[in-house]
C-alpha cells in the first residue's frame, strides 16, 4: 500500500546539519 500510493524518498543528515533530500521515486 505504501509503495503503490506514495512517493518514496531518501534523505540524509550529517552531524550538526539539517536533514537534506537525496532522491525520490514514484512507485507507479
ModelCIF file with pLDDT and N, C-alpha, C, O atoms, coordinates in Angstrom:
data_MODEL
#
_entry.id   MODEL 
#
_entity.id                         1 
_entity.type                       polymer 
_entity.pdbx_number_of_molecules   1 
#
_entity_poly.entity_id                      1 
_entity_poly.type                           'polypeptide(L)' 
_entity_poly.nstd_linkage                   no 
_entity_poly.nstd_monomer                   no 
_entity_poly.pdbx_seq_one_letter_code       
;(UNK)(UNK)(UNK)(UNK)(UNK)(UNK)(UNK)(UNK)(UNK)(UNK)(UNK)(UNK)(UNK)(UNK)(UNK)(UNK)
(UNK)(UNK)(UNK)(UNK)(UNK)(UNK)(UNK)(UNK)(UNK)(UNK)(UNK)(UNK)
;
_entity_poly.pdbx_seq_one_letter_code_can   XXXXXXXXXXXXXXXXXXXXXXXXXXXX 
_entity_poly.pdbx_strand_id                 A 
#
loop_
_entity_poly_seq.entity_id 
_entity_poly_seq.num 
_entity_poly_seq.mon_id 
_entity_poly_seq.hetero 
1 1  UNK n 
1 2  UNK n 
1 3  UNK n 
1 4  UNK n 
1 5  UNK n 
1 6  UNK n 
1 7  UNK n 
1 8  UNK n 
1 9  UNK n 
1 10 UNK n 
1 11 UNK n 
1 12 UNK n 
1 13 UNK n 
1 14 UNK n 
1 15 UNK n 
1 16 UNK n 
1 17 UNK n 
1 18 UNK n 
1 19 UNK n 
1 20 UNK n 
1 21 UNK n 
1 22 UNK n 
1 23 UNK n 
1 24 UNK n 
1 25 UNK n 
1 26 UNK n 
1 27 UNK n 
1 28 UNK n 
#
_struct_asym.id          A 
_struct_asym.entity_id   1 
#
loop_
_ma_qa_metric.id 
_ma_qa_metric.mode 
_ma_qa_metric.name 
_ma_qa_metric.software_group_id 
_ma_qa_metric.type 
1 global pLDDT . pLDDT 
2 local  pLDDT . pLDDT 
#
_ma_qa_metric_global.metric_id      1 
_ma_qa_metric_global.metric_value   87.57 
_ma_qa_metric_global.model_id       1 
_ma_qa_metric_global.ordinal_id     1 
#
loop_
_ma_qa_metric_local.label_asym_id 
_ma_qa_metric_local.label_comp_id 
_ma_qa_metric_local.label_seq_id 
_ma_qa_metric_local.metric_id 
_ma_qa_metric_local.metric_value 
_ma_qa_metric_local.model_id 
_ma_qa_metric_local.ordinal_id 
A UNK 1  2 72.00 1 1  
A UNK 2  2 68.00 1 2  
A UNK 3  2 66.00 1 3  
A UNK 4  2 66.00 1 4  
A UNK 5  2 66.00 1 5  
A UNK 6  2 78.00 1 6  
A UNK 7  2 89.00 1 7  
A UNK 8  2 91.00 1 8  
A UNK 9  2 94.00 1 9  
A UNK 10 2 96.00 1 10 
A UNK 11 2 97.00 1 11 
A UNK 12 2 98.00 1 12 
A UNK 13 2 97.00 1 13 
A UNK 14 2 96.00 1 14 
A UNK 15 2 91.00 1 15 
A UNK 16 2 93.00 1 16 
A UNK 17 2 95.00 1 17 
A UNK 18 2 95.00 1 18 
A UNK 19 2 95.00 1 19 
A UNK 20 2 96.00 1 20 
A UNK 21 2 96.00 1 21 
A UNK 22 2 97.00 1 22 
A UNK 23 2 96.00 1 23 
A UNK 24 2 94.00 1 24 
A UNK 25 2 93.00 1 25 
A UNK 26 2 87.00 1 26 
A UNK 27 2 75.00 1 27 
A UNK 28 2 75.00 1 28 
#
loop_
_atom_site.group_PDB 
_atom_site.id 
_atom_site.type_symbol 
_atom_site.label_atom_id 
_atom_site.label_alt_id 
_atom_site.label_comp_id 
_atom_site.label_asym_id 
_atom_site.label_entity_id 
_atom_site.label_seq_id 
_atom_site.pdbx_PDB_ins_code 
_atom_site.Cartn_x 
_atom_site.Cartn_y 
_atom_site.Cartn_z 
_atom_site.occupancy 
_atom_site.B_iso_or_equiv 
_atom_site.pdbx_formal_charge 
_atom_site.auth_seq_id 
_atom_site.auth_comp_id 
_atom_site.auth_asym_id 
_atom_site.auth_atom_id 
_atom_site.pdbx_PDB_model_num 
ATOM 1   N N  . UNK A 1 1  ? 0.834  -1.197 0.000   1.00 72.00 ? 1  UNK A N  1 
ATOM 2   C CA . UNK A 1 1  ? 0.000  0.000  0.000   1.00 72.00 ? 1  UNK A CA 1 
ATOM 3   C C  . UNK A 1 1  ? 0.869  1.248  0.000   1.00 72.00 ? 1  UNK A C  1 
ATOM 4   O O  . UNK A 1 1  ? 0.571  2.213  -0.704  1.00 72.00 ? 1  UNK A O  1 
ATOM 5   N N  . UNK A 1 2  ? 1.923  1.235  0.772   1.00 68.00 ? 2  UNK A N  1 
ATOM 6   C CA . UNK A 1 2  ? 2.830  2.370  0.832   1.00 68.00 ? 2  UNK A CA 1 
ATOM 7   C C  . UNK A 1 2  ? 3.490  2.618  -0.513  1.00 68.00 ? 2  UNK A C  1 
ATOM 8   O O  . UNK A 1 2  ? 3.557  3.760  -0.967  1.00 68.00 ? 2  UNK A O  1 
ATOM 9   N N  . UNK A 1 3  ? 3.974  1.576  -1.148  1.00 66.00 ? 3  UNK A N  1 
ATOM 10  C CA . UNK A 1 3  ? 4.669  1.727  -2.419  1.00 66.00 ? 3  UNK A CA 1 
ATOM 11  C C  . UNK A 1 3  ? 3.740  2.080  -3.570  1.00 66.00 ? 3  UNK A C  1 
ATOM 12  O O  . UNK A 1 3  ? 4.158  2.763  -4.506  1.00 66.00 ? 3  UNK A O  1 
ATOM 13  N N  . UNK A 1 4  ? 2.505  1.637  -3.525  1.00 66.00 ? 4  UNK A N  1 
ATOM 14  C CA . UNK A 1 4  ? 1.580  1.874  -4.627  1.00 66.00 ? 4  UNK A CA 1 
ATOM 15  C C  . UNK A 1 4  ? 0.931  3.250  -4.579  1.00 66.00 ? 4  UNK A C  1 
ATOM 16  O O  . UNK A 1 4  ? 0.444  3.728  -5.604  1.00 66.00 ? 4  UNK A O  1 
ATOM 17  N N  . UNK A 1 5  ? 0.910  3.890  -3.436  1.00 66.00 ? 5  UNK A N  1 
ATOM 18  C CA . UNK A 1 5  ? 0.211  5.155  -3.277  1.00 66.00 ? 5  UNK A CA 1 
ATOM 19  C C  . UNK A 1 5  ? 1.095  6.315  -2.839  1.00 66.00 ? 5  UNK A C  1 
ATOM 20  O O  . UNK A 1 5  ? 0.597  7.419  -2.622  1.00 66.00 ? 5  UNK A O  1 
ATOM 21  N N  . UNK A 1 6  ? 2.381  6.085  -2.707  1.00 78.00 ? 6  UNK A N  1 
ATOM 22  C CA . UNK A 1 6  ? 3.267  7.109  -2.178  1.00 78.00 ? 6  UNK A CA 1 
ATOM 23  C C  . UNK A 1 6  ? 4.510  7.313  -3.033  1.00 78.00 ? 6  UNK A C  1 
ATOM 24  O O  . UNK A 1 6  ? 4.969  6.413  -3.737  1.00 78.00 ? 6  UNK A O  1 
ATOM 25  N N  . UNK A 1 7  ? 5.027  8.507  -2.947  1.00 89.00 ? 7  UNK A N  1 
ATOM 26  C CA . UNK A 1 7  ? 6.385  8.769  -3.397  1.00 89.00 ? 7  UNK A CA 1 
ATOM 27  C C  . UNK A 1 7  ? 7.327  8.301  -2.287  1.00 89.00 ? 7  UNK A C  1 
ATOM 28  O O  . UNK A 1 7  ? 7.111  8.601  -1.113  1.00 89.00 ? 7  UNK A O  1 
ATOM 29  N N  . UNK A 1 8  ? 8.358  7.577  -2.662  1.00 91.00 ? 8  UNK A N  1 
ATOM 30  C CA . UNK A 1 8  ? 9.369  7.128  -1.718  1.00 91.00 ? 8  UNK A CA 1 
ATOM 31  C C  . UNK A 1 8  ? 10.627 7.960  -1.914  1.00 91.00 ? 8  UNK A C  1 
ATOM 32  O O  . UNK A 1 8  ? 10.996 8.285  -3.043  1.00 91.00 ? 8  UNK A O  1 
ATOM 33  N N  . UNK A 1 9  ? 11.277 8.301  -0.821  1.00 94.00 ? 9  UNK A N  1 
ATOM 34  C CA . UNK A 1 9  ? 12.431 9.182  -0.902  1.00 94.00 ? 9  UNK A CA 1 
ATOM 35  C C  . UNK A 1 9  ? 13.521 8.767  0.068   1.00 94.00 ? 9  UNK A C  1 
ATOM 36  O O  . UNK A 1 9  ? 13.278 8.062  1.047   1.00 94.00 ? 9  UNK A O  1 
ATOM 37  N N  . UNK A 1 10 ? 14.720 9.221  -0.230  1.00 96.00 ? 10 UNK A N  1 
ATOM 38  C CA . UNK A 1 10 ? 15.856 9.085  0.669   1.00 96.00 ? 10 UNK A CA 1 
ATOM 39  C C  . UNK A 1 10 ? 16.328 10.467 1.087   1.00 96.00 ? 10 UNK A C  1 
ATOM 40  O O  . UNK A 1 10 ? 16.484 11.362 0.257   1.00 96.00 ? 10 UNK A O  1 
ATOM 41  N N  . UNK A 1 11 ? 16.551 10.626 2.373   1.00 97.00 ? 11 UNK A N  1 
ATOM 42  C CA . UNK A 1 11 ? 17.134 11.824 2.944   1.00 97.00 ? 11 UNK A CA 1 
ATOM 43  C C  . UNK A 1 11 ? 18.388 11.434 3.715   1.00 97.00 ? 11 UNK A C  1 
ATOM 44  O O  . UNK A 1 11 ? 18.602 10.259 4.013   1.00 97.00 ? 11 UNK A O  1 
ATOM 45  N N  . UNK A 1 12 ? 19.209 12.418 4.033   1.00 98.00 ? 12 UNK A N  1 
ATOM 46  C CA . UNK A 1 12 ? 20.377 12.151 4.857   1.00 98.00 ? 12 UNK A CA 1 
ATOM 47  C C  . UNK A 1 12 ? 20.622 13.322 5.798   1.00 98.00 ? 12 UNK A C  1 
ATOM 48  O O  . UNK A 1 12 ? 20.240 14.458 5.516   1.00 98.00 ? 12 UNK A O  1 
ATOM 49  N N  . UNK A 1 13 ? 21.266 13.025 6.919   1.00 97.00 ? 13 UNK A N  1 
ATOM 50  C CA . UNK A 1 13 ? 21.558 14.042 7.908   1.00 97.00 ? 13 UNK A CA 1 
ATOM 51  C C  . UNK A 1 13 ? 22.937 13.794 8.501   1.00 97.00 ? 13 UNK A C  1 
ATOM 52  O O  . UNK A 1 13 ? 23.182 12.759 9.121   1.00 97.00 ? 13 UNK A O  1 
ATOM 53  N N  . UNK A 1 14 ? 23.829 14.749 8.303   1.00 96.00 ? 14 UNK A N  1 
ATOM 54  C CA . UNK A 1 14 ? 25.160 14.699 8.879   1.00 96.00 ? 14 UNK A CA 1 
ATOM 55  C C  . UNK A 1 14 ? 25.143 15.372 10.244  1.00 96.00 ? 14 UNK A C  1 
ATOM 56  O O  . UNK A 1 14 ? 24.246 16.169 10.520  1.00 96.00 ? 14 UNK A O  1 
ATOM 57  N N  . UNK A 1 15 ? 26.115 15.071 11.110  1.00 91.00 ? 15 UNK A N  1 
ATOM 58  C CA . UNK A 1 15 ? 26.153 15.691 12.438  1.00 91.00 ? 15 UNK A CA 1 
ATOM 59  C C  . UNK A 1 15 ? 26.153 17.214 12.358  1.00 91.00 ? 15 UNK A C  1 
ATOM 60  O O  . UNK A 1 15 ? 26.947 17.804 11.625  1.00 91.00 ? 15 UNK A O  1 
ATOM 61  N N  . UNK A 1 16 ? 25.262 17.844 13.112  1.00 93.00 ? 16 UNK A N  1 
ATOM 62  C CA . UNK A 1 16 ? 25.178 19.292 13.137  1.00 93.00 ? 16 UNK A CA 1 
ATOM 63  C C  . UNK A 1 16 ? 24.510 19.919 11.929  1.00 93.00 ? 16 UNK A C  1 
ATOM 64  O O  . UNK A 1 16 ? 24.450 21.144 11.824  1.00 93.00 ? 16 UNK A O  1 
ATOM 65  N N  . UNK A 1 17 ? 24.007 19.102 11.019  1.00 95.00 ? 17 UNK A N  1 
ATOM 66  C CA . UNK A 1 17 ? 23.373 19.603 9.800   1.00 95.00 ? 17 UNK A CA 1 
ATOM 67  C C  . UNK A 1 17 ? 21.886 19.273 9.780   1.00 95.00 ? 17 UNK A C  1 
ATOM 68  O O  . UNK A 1 17 ? 21.422 18.380 10.490  1.00 95.00 ? 17 UNK A O  1 
ATOM 69  N N  . UNK A 1 18 ? 21.146 20.012 8.952   1.00 95.00 ? 18 UNK A N  1 
ATOM 70  C CA . UNK A 1 18 ? 19.738 19.716 8.751   1.00 95.00 ? 18 UNK A CA 1 
ATOM 71  C C  . UNK A 1 18 ? 19.591 18.518 7.822   1.00 95.00 ? 18 UNK A C  1 
ATOM 72  O O  . UNK A 1 18 ? 20.478 18.220 7.022   1.00 95.00 ? 18 UNK A O  1 
ATOM 73  N N  . UNK A 1 19 ? 18.464 17.843 7.943   1.00 95.00 ? 19 UNK A N  1 
ATOM 74  C CA . UNK A 1 19 ? 18.173 16.737 7.058   1.00 95.00 ? 19 UNK A CA 1 
ATOM 75  C C  . UNK A 1 19 ? 18.006 17.250 5.628   1.00 95.00 ? 19 UNK A C  1 
ATOM 76  O O  . UNK A 1 19 ? 17.302 18.235 5.404   1.00 95.00 ? 19 UNK A O  1 
ATOM 77  N N  . UNK A 1 20 ? 18.648 16.590 4.659   1.00 96.00 ? 20 UNK A N  1 
ATOM 78  C CA . UNK A 1 20 ? 18.596 17.044 3.284   1.00 96.00 ? 20 UNK A CA 1 
ATOM 79  C C  . UNK A 1 20 ? 18.111 15.948 2.344   1.00 96.00 ? 20 UNK A C  1 
ATOM 80  O O  . UNK A 1 20 ? 18.325 14.759 2.580   1.00 96.00 ? 20 UNK A O  1 
ATOM 81  N N  . UNK A 1 21 ? 17.459 16.376 1.286   1.00 96.00 ? 21 UNK A N  1 
ATOM 82  C CA . UNK A 1 21 ? 16.925 15.488 0.273   1.00 96.00 ? 21 UNK A CA 1 
ATOM 83  C C  . UNK A 1 21 ? 18.048 14.854 -0.537  1.00 96.00 ? 21 UNK A C  1 
ATOM 84  O O  . UNK A 1 21 ? 19.006 15.530 -0.912  1.00 96.00 ? 21 UNK A O  1 
ATOM 85  N N  . UNK A 1 22 ? 17.932 13.556 -0.806  1.00 97.00 ? 22 UNK A N  1 
ATOM 86  C CA . UNK A 1 22 ? 18.891 12.836 -1.633  1.00 97.00 ? 22 UNK A CA 1 
ATOM 87  C C  . UNK A 1 22 ? 18.274 12.450 -2.977  1.00 97.00 ? 22 UNK A C  1 
ATOM 88  O O  . UNK A 1 22 ? 18.828 12.759 -4.031  1.00 97.00 ? 22 UNK A O  1 
ATOM 89  N N  . UNK A 1 23 ? 17.129 11.776 -2.934  1.00 96.00 ? 23 UNK A N  1 
ATOM 90  C CA . UNK A 1 23 ? 16.464 11.352 -4.153  1.00 96.00 ? 23 UNK A CA 1 
ATOM 91  C C  . UNK A 1 23 ? 15.096 10.789 -3.852  1.00 96.00 ? 23 UNK A C  1 
ATOM 92  O O  . UNK A 1 23 ? 14.785 10.500 -2.697  1.00 96.00 ? 23 UNK A O  1 
ATOM 93  N N  . UNK A 1 24 ? 14.261 10.626 -4.888  1.00 94.00 ? 24 UNK A N  1 
ATOM 94  C CA . UNK A 1 24 ? 12.918 10.096 -4.708  1.00 94.00 ? 24 UNK A CA 1 
ATOM 95  C C  . UNK A 1 24 ? 12.482 9.319  -5.933  1.00 94.00 ? 24 UNK A C  1 
ATOM 96  O O  . UNK A 1 24 ? 13.052 9.457  -7.015  1.00 94.00 ? 24 UNK A O  1 
ATOM 97  N N  . UNK A 1 25 ? 11.453 8.494  -5.742  1.00 93.00 ? 25 UNK A N  1 
ATOM 98  C CA . UNK A 1 25 ? 10.905 7.695  -6.827  1.00 93.00 ? 25 UNK A CA 1 
ATOM 99  C C  . UNK A 1 25 ? 9.397  7.573  -6.650  1.00 93.00 ? 25 UNK A C  1 
ATOM 100 O O  . UNK A 1 25 ? 8.911  7.383  -5.535  1.00 93.00 ? 25 UNK A O  1 
ATOM 101 N N  . UNK A 1 26 ? 8.657  7.683  -7.754  1.00 87.00 ? 26 UNK A N  1 
ATOM 102 C CA . UNK A 1 26 ? 7.223  7.437  -7.769  1.00 87.00 ? 26 UNK A CA 1 
ATOM 103 C C  . UNK A 1 26 ? 7.008  5.949  -8.005  1.00 87.00 ? 26 UNK A C  1 
ATOM 104 O O  . UNK A 1 26 ? 7.497  5.402  -8.993  1.00 87.00 ? 26 UNK A O  1 
ATOM 105 N N  . UNK A 1 27 ? 6.273  5.283  -7.097  1.00 75.00 ? 27 UNK A N  1 
ATOM 106 C CA . UNK A 1 27 ? 6.140  3.840  -7.185  1.00 75.00 ? 27 UNK A CA 1 
ATOM 107 C C  . UNK A 1 27 ? 5.498  3.386  -8.488  1.00 75.00 ? 27 UNK A C  1 
ATOM 108 O O  . UNK A 1 27 ? 5.994  2.469  -9.142  1.00 75.00 ? 27 UNK A O  1 
ATOM 109 N N  . UNK A 1 28 ? 4.387  4.032  -8.867  1.00 75.00 ? 28 UNK A N  1 
ATOM 110 C CA . UNK A 1 28 ? 3.744  3.732  -10.138 1.00 75.00 ? 28 UNK A CA 1 
ATOM 111 C C  . UNK A 1 28 ? 4.255  4.726  -11.175 1.00 75.00 ? 28 UNK A C  1 
ATOM 112 O O  . UNK A 1 28 ? 3.850  4.670  -12.336 1.00 75.00 ? 28 UNK A O  1 
#
